[in-house]
PDB file of N, CA and C in Angstrom:
ATOM      1  N   MET A   1      -7.718  20.863 -22.607  1.00  0.00           N
ATOM      2  CA  MET A   1      -7.390  20.239 -21.334  1.00  0.00           C
ATOM      3  C   MET A   1      -6.844  21.304 -20.375  1.00  0.00           C
ATOM      4  N   MET A   2      -7.174  21.154 -19.105  1.00  0.00           N
ATOM      5  CA  MET A   2      -6.803  22.140 -18.106  1.00  0.00           C
ATOM      6  C   MET A   2      -5.398  21.855 -17.572  1.00  0.00           C
ATOM      7  N   ASP A   3      -4.533  22.879 -17.567  1.00  0.00           N
ATOM      8  CA  ASP A   3      -3.204  22.663 -17.019  1.00  0.00           C
ATOM      9  C   ASP A   3      -3.230  22.883 -15.498  1.00  0.00           C
ATOM     10  N   GLU A   4      -2.102  22.601 -14.865  1.00  0.00           N
ATOM     11  CA  GLU A   4      -2.048  22.631 -13.401  1.00  0.00           C
ATOM     12  C   GLU A   4      -2.298  24.008 -12.831  1.00  0.00           C
ATOM     13  N   ALA A   5      -1.802  25.041 -13.470  1.00  0.00           N
ATOM     14  CA  ALA A   5      -1.957  26.399 -12.946  1.00  0.00           C
ATOM     15  C   ALA A   5      -3.428  26.799 -12.878  1.00  0.00           C
ATOM     16  N   VAL A   6      -4.181  26.469 -13.915  1.00  0.00           N
ATOM     17  CA  VAL A   6      -5.608  26.802 -13.920  1.00  0.00           C
ATOM     18  C   VAL A   6      -6.340  25.987 -12.860  1.00  0.00           C
ATOM     19  N   LEU A   7      -5.985  24.723 -12.719  1.00  0.00           N
ATOM     20  CA  LEU A   7      -6.609  23.868 -11.719  1.00  0.00           C
ATOM     21  C   LEU A   7      -6.346  24.395 -10.312  1.00  0.00           C
ATOM     22  N   PHE A   8      -5.087  24.726 -10.010  1.00  0.00           N
ATOM     23  CA  PHE A   8      -4.763  25.220  -8.671  1.00  0.00           C
ATOM     24  C   PHE A   8      -5.371  26.580  -8.410  1.00  0.00           C
ATOM     25  N   ASP A   9      -5.458  27.431  -9.438  1.00  0.00           N
ATOM     26  CA  ASP A   9      -6.096  28.728  -9.263  1.00  0.00           C
ATOM     27  C   ASP A   9      -7.588  28.553  -8.983  1.00  0.00           C
ATOM     28  N   THR A  10      -8.237  27.629  -9.674  1.00  0.00           N
ATOM     29  CA  THR A  10      -9.647  27.362  -9.439  1.00  0.00           C
ATOM     30  C   THR A  10      -9.872  26.796  -8.038  1.00  0.00           C
ATOM     31  N   LEU A  11      -9.009  25.902  -7.605  1.00  0.00           N
ATOM     32  CA  LEU A  11      -9.117  25.361  -6.240  1.00  0.00           C
ATOM     33  C   LEU A  11      -8.910  26.449  -5.199  1.00  0.00           C
ATOM     34  N   ARG A  12      -7.960  27.363  -5.451  1.00  0.00           N
ATOM     35  CA  ARG A  12      -7.719  28.469  -4.532  1.00  0.00           C
ATOM     36  C   ARG A  12      -8.938  29.360  -4.441  1.00  0.00           C
ATOM     37  N   GLN A  13      -9.537  29.664  -5.592  1.00  0.00           N
ATOM     38  CA  GLN A  13     -10.746  30.485  -5.591  1.00  0.00           C
ATOM     39  C   GLN A  13     -11.897  29.784  -4.871  1.00  0.00           C
ATOM     40  N   GLY A  14     -12.028  28.486  -5.067  1.00  0.00           N
ATOM     41  CA  GLY A  14     -13.078  27.732  -4.387  1.00  0.00           C
ATOM     42  C   GLY A  14     -12.893  27.720  -2.881  1.00  0.00           C
ATOM     43  N   LEU A  15     -11.655  27.568  -2.434  1.00  0.00           N
ATOM     44  CA  LEU A  15     -11.395  27.612  -0.992  1.00  0.00           C
ATOM     45  C   LEU A  15     -11.675  28.995  -0.421  1.00  0.00           C
ATOM     46  N   TRP A  16     -11.330  30.037  -1.178  1.00  0.00           N
ATOM     47  CA  TRP A  16     -11.592  31.392  -0.704  1.00  0.00           C
ATOM     48  C   TRP A  16     -13.099  31.640  -0.605  1.00  0.00           C
ATOM     49  N   VAL A  17     -13.867  31.174  -1.572  1.00  0.00           N
ATOM     50  CA  VAL A  17     -15.331  31.324  -1.512  1.00  0.00           C
ATOM     51  C   VAL A  17     -15.872  30.571  -0.304  1.00  0.00           C
ATOM     52  N   ALA A  18     -15.333  29.395  -0.017  1.00  0.00           N
ATOM     53  CA  ALA A  18     -15.770  28.625   1.161  1.00  0.00           C
ATOM     54  C   ALA A  18     -15.458  29.379   2.451  1.00  0.00           C
ATOM     55  N   VAL A  19     -14.294  29.992   2.524  1.00  0.00           N
ATOM     56  CA  VAL A  19     -13.924  30.762   3.717  1.00  0.00           C
ATOM     57  C   VAL A  19     -14.834  31.964   3.883  1.00  0.00           C
ATOM     58  N   VAL A  20     -15.064  32.694   2.792  1.00  0.00           N
ATOM     59  CA  VAL A  20     -15.884  33.907   2.868  1.00  0.00           C
ATOM     60  C   VAL A  20     -17.333  33.572   3.222  1.00  0.00           C
ATOM     61  N   THR A  21     -17.870  32.510   2.652  1.00  0.00           N
ATOM     62  CA  THR A  21     -19.269  32.181   2.932  1.00  0.00           C
ATOM     63  C   THR A  21     -19.466  31.596   4.332  1.00  0.00           C
ATOM     64  N   SER A  22     -18.453  30.962   4.879  1.00  0.00           N
ATOM     65  CA  SER A  22     -18.602  30.387   6.218  1.00  0.00           C
ATOM     66  C   SER A  22     -18.229  31.359   7.331  1.00  0.00           C
ATOM     67  N   MET A  23     -17.599  32.480   6.988  1.00  0.00           N
ATOM     68  CA  MET A  23     -17.110  33.405   8.015  1.00  0.00           C
ATOM     69  C   MET A  23     -18.215  33.989   8.908  1.00  0.00           C
ATOM     70  N   PRO A  24     -19.372  34.399   8.397  1.00  0.00           N
ATOM     71  CA  PRO A  24     -20.385  34.944   9.328  1.00  0.00           C
ATOM     72  C   PRO A  24     -20.843  33.924  10.370  1.00  0.00           C
ATOM     73  N   ILE A  25     -21.078  32.695   9.958  1.00  0.00           N
ATOM     74  CA  ILE A  25     -21.555  31.671  10.895  1.00  0.00           C
ATOM     75  C   ILE A  25     -20.461  31.320  11.907  1.00  0.00           C
ATOM     76  N   LEU A  26     -19.234  31.168  11.439  1.00  0.00           N
ATOM     77  CA  LEU A  26     -18.148  30.815  12.351  1.00  0.00           C
ATOM     78  C   LEU A  26     -17.863  31.940  13.348  1.00  0.00           C
ATOM     79  N   THR A  27     -17.963  33.182  12.892  1.00  0.00           N
ATOM     80  CA  THR A  27     -17.724  34.314  13.790  1.00  0.00           C
ATOM     81  C   THR A  27     -18.791  34.379  14.879  1.00  0.00           C
ATOM     82  N   VAL A  28     -20.046  34.197  14.501  1.00  0.00           N
ATOM     83  CA  VAL A  28     -21.122  34.237  15.496  1.00  0.00           C
ATOM     84  C   VAL A  28     -21.031  33.062  16.447  1.00  0.00           C
ATOM     85  N   ALA A  29     -20.660  31.888  15.938  1.00  0.00           N
ATOM     86  CA  ALA A  29     -20.504  30.728  16.825  1.00  0.00           C
ATOM     87  C   ALA A  29     -19.386  30.974  17.835  1.00  0.00           C
ATOM     88  N   LEU A  30     -18.305  31.576  17.380  1.00  0.00           N
ATOM     89  CA  LEU A  30     -17.192  31.885  18.289  1.00  0.00           C
ATOM     90  C   LEU A  30     -17.616  32.893  19.340  1.00  0.00           C
ATOM     91  N   LEU A  31     -18.269  33.970  18.920  1.00  0.00           N
ATOM     92  CA  LEU A  31     -18.687  34.999  19.875  1.00  0.00           C
ATOM     93  C   LEU A  31     -19.727  34.466  20.859  1.00  0.00           C
ATOM     94  N   ALA A  32     -20.671  33.675  20.371  1.00  0.00           N
ATOM     95  CA  ALA A  32     -21.672  33.100  21.274  1.00  0.00           C
ATOM     96  C   ALA A  32     -21.025  32.128  22.252  1.00  0.00           C
ATOM     97  N   GLY A  33     -20.084  31.326  21.789  1.00  0.00           N
ATOM     98  CA  GLY A  33     -19.398  30.386  22.675  1.00  0.00           C
ATOM     99  C   GLY A  33     -18.592  31.079  23.750  1.00  0.00           C
ATOM    100  N   VAL A  34     -17.889  32.125  23.362  1.00  0.00           N
ATOM    101  CA  VAL A  34     -17.098  32.875  24.358  1.00  0.00           C
ATOM    102  C   VAL A  34     -18.005  33.572  25.354  1.00  0.00           C
ATOM    103  N   THR A  35     -19.108  34.151  24.866  1.00  0.00           N
ATOM    104  CA  THR A  35     -20.035  34.837  25.764  1.00  0.00           C
ATOM    105  C   THR A  35     -20.674  33.871  26.753  1.00  0.00           C
ATOM    106  N   VAL A  36     -21.138  32.740  26.271  1.00  0.00           N
ATOM    107  CA  VAL A  36     -21.767  31.753  27.162  1.00  0.00           C
ATOM    108  C   VAL A  36     -20.728  31.171  28.115  1.00  0.00           C
ATOM    109  N   GLY A  37     -19.530  30.919  27.632  1.00  0.00           N
ATOM    110  CA  GLY A  37     -18.479  30.403  28.503  1.00  0.00           C
ATOM    111  C   GLY A  37     -18.114  31.387  29.599  1.00  0.00           C
ATOM    112  N   LEU A  38     -18.050  32.672  29.246  1.00  0.00           N
ATOM    113  CA  LEU A  38     -17.777  33.693  30.256  1.00  0.00           C
ATOM    114  C   LEU A  38     -18.909  33.778  31.268  1.00  0.00           C
ATOM    115  N   PHE A  39     -20.139  33.706  30.784  1.00  0.00           N
ATOM    116  CA  PHE A  39     -21.301  33.715  31.685  1.00  0.00           C
ATOM    117  C   PHE A  39     -21.265  32.514  32.628  1.00  0.00           C
ATOM    118  N   GLN A  40     -20.917  31.340  32.093  1.00  0.00           N
ATOM    119  CA  GLN A  40     -20.850  30.145  32.934  1.00  0.00           C
ATOM    120  C   GLN A  40     -19.729  30.257  33.961  1.00  0.00           C
ATOM    121  N   ALA A  41     -18.615  30.830  33.557  1.00  0.00           N
ATOM    122  CA  ALA A  41     -17.505  30.975  34.498  1.00  0.00           C
ATOM    123  C   ALA A  41     -17.833  31.963  35.606  1.00  0.00           C
ATOM    124  N   LEU A  42     -18.552  33.013  35.259  1.00  0.00           N
ATOM    125  CA  LEU A  42     -18.888  34.022  36.271  1.00  0.00           C
ATOM    126  C   LEU A  42     -19.972  33.552  37.222  1.00  0.00           C
ATOM    127  N   THR A  43     -20.888  32.715  36.755  1.00  0.00           N
ATOM    128  CA  THR A  43     -22.008  32.291  37.595  1.00  0.00           C
ATOM    129  C   THR A  43     -21.860  30.865  38.130  1.00  0.00           C
ATOM    130  N   SER A  44     -20.844  30.152  37.732  1.00  0.00           N
ATOM    131  CA  SER A  44     -20.604  28.758  38.126  1.00  0.00           C
ATOM    132  C   SER A  44     -21.749  27.827  37.738  1.00  0.00           C
ATOM    133  N   ILE A  45     -22.460  28.168  36.678  1.00  0.00           N
ATOM    134  CA  ILE A  45     -23.510  27.297  36.141  1.00  0.00           C
ATOM    135  C   ILE A  45     -22.881  26.422  35.083  1.00  0.00           C
ATOM    136  N   GLN A  46     -22.958  25.118  35.251  1.00  0.00           N
ATOM    137  CA  GLN A  46     -22.334  24.188  34.306  1.00  0.00           C
ATOM    138  C   GLN A  46     -23.381  23.315  33.636  1.00  0.00           C
ATOM    139  N   GLU A  47     -24.343  23.930  33.019  1.00  0.00           N
ATOM    140  CA  GLU A  47     -25.406  23.210  32.326  1.00  0.00           C
ATOM    141  C   GLU A  47     -25.028  23.048  30.862  1.00  0.00           C
ATOM    142  N   MET A  48     -25.112  21.824  30.332  1.00  0.00           N
ATOM    143  CA  MET A  48     -24.685  21.549  28.962  1.00  0.00           C
ATOM    144  C   MET A  48     -25.605  22.224  27.929  1.00  0.00           C
ATOM    145  N   THR A  49     -26.905  22.279  28.222  1.00  0.00           N
ATOM    146  CA  THR A  49     -27.803  22.887  27.242  1.00  0.00           C
ATOM    147  C   THR A  49     -27.611  24.392  27.180  1.00  0.00           C
ATOM    148  N   LEU A  50     -27.038  24.982  28.212  1.00  0.00           N
ATOM    149  CA  LEU A  50     -26.796  26.417  28.209  1.00  0.00           C
ATOM    150  C   LEU A  50     -25.734  26.788  27.169  1.00  0.00           C
ATOM    151  N   THR A  51     -24.822  25.899  26.874  1.00  0.00           N
ATOM    152  CA  THR A  51     -23.835  26.192  25.843  1.00  0.00           C
ATOM    153  C   THR A  51     -24.382  25.904  24.455  1.00  0.00           C
ATOM    154  N   PHE A  52     -25.260  24.939  24.356  1.00  0.00           N
ATOM    155  CA  PHE A  52     -25.729  24.490  23.042  1.00  0.00           C
ATOM    156  C   PHE A  52     -26.835  25.359  22.463  1.00  0.00           C
ATOM    157  N   VAL A  53     -27.851  25.651  23.258  1.00  0.00           N
ATOM    158  CA  VAL A  53     -29.047  26.326  22.755  1.00  0.00           C
ATOM    159  C   VAL A  53     -28.770  27.752  22.278  1.00  0.00           C
ATOM    160  N   PRO A  54     -28.081  28.610  23.038  1.00  0.00           N
ATOM    161  CA  PRO A  54     -27.833  29.969  22.535  1.00  0.00           C
ATOM    162  C   PRO A  54     -26.944  29.979  21.286  1.00  0.00           C
ATOM    163  N   LYS A  55     -25.959  29.097  21.258  1.00  0.00           N
ATOM    164  CA  LYS A  55     -25.083  29.038  20.102  1.00  0.00           C
ATOM    165  C   LYS A  55     -25.853  28.577  18.869  1.00  0.00           C
ATOM    166  N   LEU A  56     -26.696  27.580  19.025  1.00  0.00           N
ATOM    167  CA  LEU A  56     -27.505  27.097  17.905  1.00  0.00           C
ATOM    168  C   LEU A  56     -28.472  28.174  17.431  1.00  0.00           C
ATOM    169  N   ALA A  57     -29.091  28.884  18.361  1.00  0.00           N
ATOM    170  CA  ALA A  57     -30.028  29.954  17.981  1.00  0.00           C
ATOM    171  C   ALA A  57     -29.298  31.064  17.230  1.00  0.00           C
ATOM    172  N   ALA A  58     -28.130  31.456  17.694  1.00  0.00           N
ATOM    173  CA  ALA A  58     -27.364  32.502  17.015  1.00  0.00           C
ATOM    174  C   ALA A  58     -26.940  32.058  15.622  1.00  0.00           C
ATOM    175  N   ILE A  59     -26.524  30.807  15.491  1.00  0.00           N
ATOM    176  CA  ILE A  59     -26.109  30.291  14.178  1.00  0.00           C
ATOM    177  C   ILE A  59     -27.286  30.261  13.221  1.00  0.00           C
ATOM    178  N   VAL A  60     -28.439  29.819  13.689  1.00  0.00           N
ATOM    179  CA  VAL A  60     -29.631  29.756  12.821  1.00  0.00           C
ATOM    180  C   VAL A  60     -30.035  31.154  12.369  1.00  0.00           C
ATOM    181  N   ILE A  61     -30.011  32.126  13.268  1.00  0.00           N
ATOM    182  CA  ILE A  61     -30.381  33.502  12.916  1.00  0.00           C
ATOM    183  C   ILE A  61     -29.411  34.082  11.888  1.00  0.00           C
ATOM    184  N   VAL A  62     -28.111  33.903  12.112  1.00  0.00           N
ATOM    185  CA  VAL A  62     -27.134  34.448  11.173  1.00  0.00           C
ATOM    186  C   VAL A  62     -27.192  33.711   9.841  1.00  0.00           C
ATOM    187  N   PHE A  63     -27.431  32.412   9.876  1.00  0.00           N
ATOM    188  CA  PHE A  63     -27.568  31.671   8.622  1.00  0.00           C
ATOM    189  C   PHE A  63     -28.758  32.183   7.828  1.00  0.00           C
ATOM    190  N   TRP A  64     -29.871  32.416   8.502  1.00  0.00           N
ATOM    191  CA  TRP A  64     -31.062  32.929   7.849  1.00  0.00           C
ATOM    192  C   TRP A  64     -30.812  34.319   7.266  1.00  0.00           C
ATOM    193  N   MET A  65     -30.065  35.158   7.992  1.00  0.00           N
ATOM    194  CA  MET A  65     -29.794  36.511   7.523  1.00  0.00           C
ATOM    195  C   MET A  65     -28.786  36.534   6.371  1.00  0.00           C
ATOM    196  N   SER A  66     -27.872  35.583   6.311  1.00  0.00           N
ATOM    197  CA  SER A  66     -26.817  35.623   5.304  1.00  0.00           C
ATOM    198  C   SER A  66     -27.006  34.592   4.193  1.00  0.00           C
ATOM    199  N   MET A  67     -28.167  33.947   4.114  1.00  0.00           N
ATOM    200  CA  MET A  67     -28.405  32.964   3.056  1.00  0.00           C
ATOM    201  C   MET A  67     -28.295  33.562   1.666  1.00  0.00           C
ATOM    202  N   GLY A  68     -28.820  34.758   1.471  1.00  0.00           N
ATOM    203  CA  GLY A  68     -28.754  35.405   0.161  1.00  0.00           C
ATOM    204  C   GLY A  68     -27.332  35.675  -0.269  1.00  0.00           C
ATOM    205  N   PHE A  69     -26.522  36.179   0.667  1.00  0.00           N
ATOM    206  CA  PHE A  69     -25.108  36.443   0.373  1.00  0.00           C
ATOM    207  C   PHE A  69     -24.367  35.158   0.033  1.00  0.00           C
ATOM    208  N   MET A  70     -24.620  34.106   0.802  1.00  0.00           N
ATOM    209  CA  MET A  70     -23.947  32.834   0.550  1.00  0.00           C
ATOM    210  C   MET A  70     -24.343  32.248  -0.793  1.00  0.00           C
ATOM    211  N   ALA A  71     -25.625  32.260  -1.089  1.00  0.00           N
ATOM    212  CA  ALA A  71     -26.101  31.725  -2.363  1.00  0.00           C
ATOM    213  C   ALA A  71     -25.551  32.523  -3.535  1.00  0.00           C
ATOM    214  N   GLN A  72     -25.549  33.844  -3.410  1.00  0.00           N
ATOM    215  CA  GLN A  72     -25.022  34.683  -4.492  1.00  0.00           C
ATOM    216  C   GLN A  72     -23.539  34.467  -4.691  1.00  0.00           C
ATOM    217  N   SER A  73     -22.780  34.284  -3.615  1.00  0.00           N
ATOM    218  CA  SER A  73     -21.341  34.025  -3.738  1.00  0.00           C
ATOM    219  C   SER A  73     -21.086  32.703  -4.451  1.00  0.00           C
ATOM    220  N   LEU A  74     -21.809  31.667  -4.074  1.00  0.00           N
ATOM    221  CA  LEU A  74     -21.617  30.367  -4.712  1.00  0.00           C
ATOM    222  C   LEU A  74     -22.064  30.367  -6.163  1.00  0.00           C
ATOM    223  N   VAL A  75     -23.192  31.004  -6.456  1.00  0.00           N
ATOM    224  CA  VAL A  75     -23.685  31.057  -7.831  1.00  0.00           C
ATOM    225  C   VAL A  75     -22.719  31.833  -8.723  1.00  0.00           C
ATOM    226  N   SER A  76     -22.224  32.963  -8.232  1.00  0.00           N
ATOM    227  CA  SER A  76     -21.291  33.734  -9.057  1.00  0.00           C
ATOM    228  C   SER A  76     -19.977  32.992  -9.244  1.00  0.00           C
ATOM    229  N   PHE A  77     -19.533  32.245  -8.244  1.00  0.00           N
ATOM    230  CA  PHE A  77     -18.306  31.450  -8.416  1.00  0.00           C
ATOM    231  C   PHE A  77     -18.503  30.389  -9.494  1.00  0.00           C
ATOM    232  N   PHE A  78     -19.637  29.722  -9.478  1.00  0.00           N
ATOM    233  CA  PHE A  78     -19.882  28.691 -10.483  1.00  0.00           C
ATOM    234  C   PHE A  78     -20.103  29.293 -11.870  1.00  0.00           C
ATOM    235  N   GLN A  79     -20.858  30.390 -11.944  1.00  0.00           N
ATOM    236  CA  GLN A  79     -21.137  30.983 -13.253  1.00  0.00           C
ATOM    237  C   GLN A  79     -19.914  31.644 -13.859  1.00  0.00           C
ATOM    238  N   ASP A  80     -19.102  32.300 -13.032  1.00  0.00           N
ATOM    239  CA  ASP A  80     -17.949  33.034 -13.560  1.00  0.00           C
ATOM    240  C   ASP A  80     -16.668  32.231 -13.546  1.00  0.00           C
ATOM    241  N   GLY A  81     -16.584  31.205 -12.703  1.00  0.00           N
ATOM    242  CA  GLY A  81     -15.338  30.475 -12.560  1.00  0.00           C
ATOM    243  C   GLY A  81     -15.355  29.052 -13.058  1.00  0.00           C
ATOM    244  N   ILE A  82     -16.347  28.294 -12.673  1.00  0.00           N
ATOM    245  CA  ILE A  82     -16.356  26.862 -12.985  1.00  0.00           C
ATOM    246  C   ILE A  82     -16.951  26.575 -14.356  1.00  0.00           C
ATOM    247  N   ILE A  83     -18.126  27.100 -14.640  1.00  0.00           N
ATOM    248  CA  ILE A  83     -18.822  26.770 -15.890  1.00  0.00           C
ATOM    249  C   ILE A  83     -18.012  27.189 -17.123  1.00  0.00           C
ATOM    250  N   PRO A  84     -17.412  28.400 -17.170  1.00  0.00           N
ATOM    251  CA  PRO A  84     -16.585  28.721 -18.345  1.00  0.00           C
ATOM    252  C   PRO A  84     -15.400  27.776 -18.547  1.00  0.00           C
ATOM    253  N   LYS A  85     -14.849  27.270 -17.469  1.00  0.00           N
ATOM    254  CA  LYS A  85     -13.731  26.333 -17.599  1.00  0.00           C
ATOM    255  C   LYS A  85     -14.225  24.967 -18.091  1.00  0.00           C
ATOM    256  N   ILE A  86     -15.448  24.598 -17.714  1.00  0.00           N
ATOM    257  CA  ILE A  86     -15.989  23.321 -18.164  1.00  0.00           C
ATOM    258  C   ILE A  86     -16.293  23.358 -19.660  1.00  0.00           C
ATOM    259  N   ILE A  87     -16.898  24.448 -20.114  1.00  0.00           N
ATOM    260  CA  ILE A  87     -17.244  24.519 -21.534  1.00  0.00           C
ATOM    261  C   ILE A  87     -16.066  24.945 -22.386  1.00  0.00           C
ATOM    262  N   GLY A  88     -14.963  25.361 -21.756  1.00  0.00           N
ATOM    263  CA  GLY A  88     -13.724  25.622 -22.486  1.00  0.00           C
ATOM    264  C   GLY A  88     -13.569  27.008 -23.051  1.00  0.00           C
ATOM    265  N   SER A  89     -14.266  28.007 -22.496  1.00  0.00           N
ATOM    266  CA  SER A  89     -14.069  29.349 -23.027  1.00  0.00           C
ATOM    267  C   SER A  89     -13.162  30.174 -22.150  1.00  0.00           C
TER     268      SER A  89
END
């Protein structure tokens, strides 16, 4: 049976993997949002699709580029962290 320390350590590791895997997408979304917002403020263009489309395109591109890293991070977390605890080794 798993004691509290192992459970909390596993949850901490899972949260850290979630933060690391989501960081590229969140960073690009932030940078794209700030860039488009600055462009809108400088040009006084207040079009709603102007904020949505570039941000979505940047997120899709970064997601496509970092899919391998994200998948490898999740697989290694499950293989090295979760599965050994489930089978009890």
